[in-house]
Amino acid sequence: MTIERIQQLVDIDNLDPMILSYLDYQAFSFQNYLVRCKKKKTESGDNRIYFELEDLEGRVLIRGCSITKLDLIAGLEEFHSAQKRR
């Protein structure tokens, strides 16, 4: 799943920034990034993983959601590969 596809799953501009409250999230490092993620049910009852990807300076580069952690990791790997090609 591409980052573009992940971003299409949620309206990024209207995503409530409190959805990733710092009281209830999981964080892990990925390459040189910090990923904060939180599972949350949608209004229809589906589970989603909402995430933020931060660089070393603490800037949020991507905010979005994914259906599974495997999809999330695949999207992050694709994003990292694209960043290296720049």
N, C-alpha and C. Protein backbone atom coordinates (compact mmCIF):
# COMPACT_ATOMS: atom_id res chain seq x y z
N MET A 1 0.85 -1.18 0.00
CA MET A 1 0.00 0.00 0.00
C MET A 1 0.89 1.23 0.00
N THR A 2 0.62 2.14 -0.88
CA THR A 2 1.45 3.33 -0.97
C THR A 2 1.02 4.37 0.06
N ILE A 3 1.93 5.29 0.34
CA ILE A 3 1.60 6.39 1.25
C ILE A 3 0.41 7.17 0.68
N GLU A 4 0.37 7.35 -0.65
CA GLU A 4 -0.75 8.06 -1.24
C GLU A 4 -2.06 7.35 -0.91
N ARG A 5 -2.04 6.02 -1.01
CA ARG A 5 -3.24 5.24 -0.70
C ARG A 5 -3.58 5.35 0.78
N ILE A 6 -2.58 5.30 1.63
CA ILE A 6 -2.83 5.45 3.06
C ILE A 6 -3.46 6.80 3.33
N GLN A 7 -2.94 7.84 2.70
CA GLN A 7 -3.47 9.18 2.94
C GLN A 7 -4.90 9.33 2.42
N GLN A 8 -5.26 8.55 1.39
CA GLN A 8 -6.61 8.64 0.87
C GLN A 8 -7.64 8.04 1.82
N LEU A 9 -7.19 7.21 2.75
CA LEU A 9 -8.11 6.58 3.68
C LEU A 9 -8.66 7.55 4.72
N VAL A 10 -8.05 8.69 4.84
CA VAL A 10 -8.50 9.66 5.84
C VAL A 10 -8.29 11.06 5.26
N ASP A 11 -9.16 11.98 5.60
CA ASP A 11 -9.02 13.36 5.15
C ASP A 11 -7.94 14.00 6.01
N ILE A 12 -6.71 14.03 5.51
CA ILE A 12 -5.56 14.46 6.31
C ILE A 12 -5.75 15.87 6.86
N ASP A 13 -6.28 16.78 6.04
CA ASP A 13 -6.41 18.16 6.49
C ASP A 13 -7.41 18.32 7.63
N ASN A 14 -8.37 17.42 7.71
CA ASN A 14 -9.39 17.52 8.75
C ASN A 14 -9.20 16.50 9.87
N LEU A 15 -8.05 15.84 9.90
CA LEU A 15 -7.78 14.86 10.95
C LEU A 15 -7.58 15.59 12.27
N ASP A 16 -8.33 15.19 13.25
CA ASP A 16 -8.22 15.80 14.58
C ASP A 16 -6.84 15.52 15.15
N PRO A 17 -6.03 16.54 15.41
CA PRO A 17 -4.68 16.30 15.92
C PRO A 17 -4.67 15.59 17.27
N MET A 18 -5.78 15.66 17.99
CA MET A 18 -5.84 14.97 19.28
C MET A 18 -6.06 13.48 19.12
N ILE A 19 -6.28 13.03 17.88
CA ILE A 19 -6.49 11.60 17.67
C ILE A 19 -5.27 10.81 18.12
N LEU A 20 -4.11 11.44 18.11
CA LEU A 20 -2.89 10.79 18.57
C LEU A 20 -2.47 11.42 19.89
N SER A 21 -3.37 11.38 20.85
CA SER A 21 -3.03 11.99 22.14
C SER A 21 -1.80 11.30 22.69
N TYR A 22 -0.94 12.06 23.29
CA TYR A 22 0.31 11.51 23.77
C TYR A 22 0.14 10.64 25.00
N LEU A 23 -1.08 10.46 25.46
CA LEU A 23 -1.32 9.61 26.62
C LEU A 23 -1.54 8.16 26.22
N ASP A 24 -1.92 7.91 24.99
CA ASP A 24 -2.33 6.57 24.60
C ASP A 24 -1.87 6.27 23.17
N TYR A 25 -0.60 6.04 22.98
CA TYR A 25 -0.11 5.70 21.65
C TYR A 25 1.06 4.74 21.79
N GLN A 26 1.40 4.10 20.69
CA GLN A 26 2.60 3.29 20.62
C GLN A 26 3.58 4.04 19.74
N ALA A 27 4.84 3.95 20.06
CA ALA A 27 5.85 4.61 19.23
C ALA A 27 6.95 3.62 18.92
N PHE A 28 7.49 3.73 17.72
CA PHE A 28 8.64 2.91 17.35
C PHE A 28 9.47 3.69 16.36
N SER A 29 10.74 3.33 16.28
CA SER A 29 11.60 4.02 15.32
C SER A 29 11.59 3.23 14.02
N PHE A 30 11.67 3.97 12.94
CA PHE A 30 11.73 3.37 11.61
C PHE A 30 12.76 4.17 10.82
N GLN A 31 13.85 3.51 10.45
CA GLN A 31 14.96 4.20 9.80
C GLN A 31 15.36 5.38 10.68
N ASN A 32 15.33 6.59 10.17
CA ASN A 32 15.67 7.77 10.98
C ASN A 32 14.42 8.55 11.39
N TYR A 33 13.31 7.87 11.51
CA TYR A 33 12.05 8.52 11.84
C TYR A 33 11.48 7.94 13.13
N LEU A 34 10.60 8.70 13.75
CA LEU A 34 9.82 8.22 14.88
C LEU A 34 8.38 8.08 14.40
N VAL A 35 7.79 6.93 14.63
CA VAL A 35 6.41 6.69 14.24
C VAL A 35 5.58 6.56 15.51
N ARG A 36 4.57 7.40 15.62
CA ARG A 36 3.61 7.28 16.72
C ARG A 36 2.34 6.73 16.10
N CYS A 37 1.78 5.71 16.71
CA CYS A 37 0.55 5.16 16.14
C CYS A 37 -0.43 4.79 17.24
N LYS A 38 -1.69 4.78 16.86
CA LYS A 38 -2.76 4.52 17.81
C LYS A 38 -3.89 3.81 17.09
N LYS A 39 -4.35 2.70 17.65
CA LYS A 39 -5.50 2.01 17.07
C LYS A 39 -6.77 2.70 17.55
N LYS A 40 -7.70 2.84 16.63
CA LYS A 40 -8.96 3.48 16.99
C LYS A 40 -10.05 2.94 16.07
N LYS A 41 -11.23 2.77 16.61
CA LYS A 41 -12.35 2.33 15.79
C LYS A 41 -12.96 3.52 15.05
N THR A 42 -13.35 3.28 13.81
CA THR A 42 -14.05 4.31 13.04
C THR A 42 -15.52 4.31 13.47
N GLU A 43 -16.28 5.26 12.96
CA GLU A 43 -17.70 5.32 13.29
C GLU A 43 -18.43 4.06 12.84
N SER A 44 -17.93 3.43 11.76
CA SER A 44 -18.57 2.21 11.26
C SER A 44 -18.11 0.96 12.02
N GLY A 45 -17.20 1.13 12.98
CA GLY A 45 -16.76 0.00 13.79
C GLY A 45 -15.50 -0.69 13.29
N ASP A 46 -14.93 -0.21 12.18
CA ASP A 46 -13.69 -0.79 11.67
C ASP A 46 -12.50 -0.28 12.47
N ASN A 47 -11.48 -1.11 12.61
CA ASN A 47 -10.25 -0.67 13.27
C ASN A 47 -9.35 0.02 12.27
N ARG A 48 -8.72 1.09 12.68
CA ARG A 48 -7.73 1.79 11.87
C ARG A 48 -6.53 2.09 12.75
N ILE A 49 -5.37 2.20 12.14
CA ILE A 49 -4.17 2.62 12.85
C ILE A 49 -3.87 4.04 12.38
N TYR A 50 -4.08 5.00 13.25
CA TYR A 50 -3.75 6.39 12.93
C TYR A 50 -2.29 6.61 13.29
N PHE A 51 -1.57 7.33 12.46
CA PHE A 51 -0.13 7.47 12.70
C PHE A 51 0.38 8.85 12.34
N GLU A 52 1.52 9.16 12.93
CA GLU A 52 2.30 10.34 12.56
C GLU A 52 3.73 9.87 12.37
N LEU A 53 4.39 10.40 11.36
CA LEU A 53 5.80 10.10 11.09
C LEU A 53 6.59 11.38 11.31
N GLU A 54 7.52 11.36 12.26
CA GLU A 54 8.32 12.54 12.58
C GLU A 54 9.76 12.33 12.14
N ASP A 55 10.41 13.43 11.72
CA ASP A 55 11.83 13.35 11.42
C ASP A 55 12.63 13.60 12.70
N LEU A 56 13.95 13.63 12.57
CA LEU A 56 14.81 13.78 13.74
C LEU A 56 14.63 15.12 14.45
N GLU A 57 14.14 16.13 13.72
CA GLU A 57 13.92 17.44 14.33
C GLU A 57 12.53 17.56 14.97
N GLY A 58 11.75 16.49 14.92
CA GLY A 58 10.42 16.52 15.53
C GLY A 58 9.32 17.06 14.63
N ARG A 59 9.62 17.28 13.35
CA ARG A 59 8.59 17.75 12.41
C ARG A 59 7.75 16.57 11.94
N VAL A 60 6.44 16.74 11.93
CA VAL A 60 5.55 15.69 11.42
C VAL A 60 5.57 15.76 9.90
N LEU A 61 6.03 14.69 9.26
CA LEU A 61 6.11 14.64 7.80
C LEU A 61 4.83 14.08 7.20
N ILE A 62 4.26 13.10 7.86
CA ILE A 62 3.05 12.45 7.36
C ILE A 62 2.12 12.21 8.53
N ARG A 63 0.84 12.42 8.30
CA ARG A 63 -0.19 12.06 9.28
C ARG A 63 -1.27 11.35 8.49
N GLY A 64 -1.67 10.19 8.93
CA GLY A 64 -2.69 9.46 8.18
C GLY A 64 -3.16 8.24 8.93
N CYS A 65 -3.74 7.30 8.19
CA CYS A 65 -4.17 6.07 8.83
C CYS A 65 -3.99 4.90 7.88
N SER A 66 -3.96 3.72 8.44
CA SER A 66 -3.78 2.49 7.70
C SER A 66 -4.70 1.44 8.30
N ILE A 67 -4.94 0.38 7.55
CA ILE A 67 -5.83 -0.66 8.03
C ILE A 67 -5.07 -1.65 8.92
N THR A 68 -3.87 -2.04 8.51
CA THR A 68 -3.08 -2.99 9.30
C THR A 68 -1.68 -2.45 9.52
N LYS A 69 -0.99 -3.01 10.50
CA LYS A 69 0.38 -2.59 10.76
C LYS A 69 1.29 -2.97 9.58
N LEU A 70 1.01 -4.11 8.93
CA LEU A 70 1.81 -4.51 7.76
C LEU A 70 1.68 -3.49 6.64
N ASP A 71 0.45 -3.01 6.39
CA ASP A 71 0.25 -1.97 5.38
C ASP A 71 0.98 -0.69 5.76
N LEU A 72 0.94 -0.37 7.04
CA LEU A 72 1.63 0.83 7.53
C LEU A 72 3.12 0.73 7.27
N ILE A 73 3.73 -0.40 7.64
CA ILE A 73 5.17 -0.58 7.45
C ILE A 73 5.53 -0.56 5.97
N ALA A 74 4.73 -1.21 5.13
CA ALA A 74 5.00 -1.21 3.69
C ALA A 74 4.96 0.22 3.14
N GLY A 75 4.00 1.01 3.59
CA GLY A 75 3.91 2.40 3.15
C GLY A 75 5.09 3.23 3.63
N LEU A 76 5.52 2.99 4.87
CA LEU A 76 6.67 3.73 5.40
C LEU A 76 7.94 3.36 4.65
N GLU A 77 8.09 2.08 4.31
CA GLU A 77 9.27 1.66 3.54
C GLU A 77 9.28 2.33 2.17
N GLU A 78 8.11 2.42 1.55
CA GLU A 78 8.02 3.08 0.25
C GLU A 78 8.35 4.57 0.38
N PHE A 79 7.85 5.21 1.42
CA PHE A 79 8.14 6.62 1.66
C PHE A 79 9.64 6.82 1.86
N HIS A 80 10.26 5.96 2.66
CA HIS A 80 11.70 6.08 2.93
C HIS A 80 12.50 5.91 1.64
N SER A 81 12.12 4.95 0.81
CA SER A 81 12.81 4.74 -0.47
C SER A 81 12.68 5.97 -1.36
N ALA A 82 11.50 6.57 -1.38
CA ALA A 82 11.28 7.77 -2.20
C ALA A 82 12.13 8.93 -1.68
N GLN A 83 12.25 9.07 -0.36
CA GLN A 83 13.06 10.14 0.22
C GLN A 83 14.53 9.95 -0.14
N LYS A 84 15.00 8.71 -0.17
CA LYS A 84 16.41 8.45 -0.50
C LYS A 84 16.70 8.78 -1.96
N ARG A 85 15.69 8.63 -2.83
CA ARG A 85 15.89 8.91 -4.26
C ARG A 85 15.93 10.40 -4.55
N ARG A 86 15.47 11.23 -3.64
CA ARG A 86 15.45 12.68 -3.88
C ARG A 86 16.83 13.26 -3.96
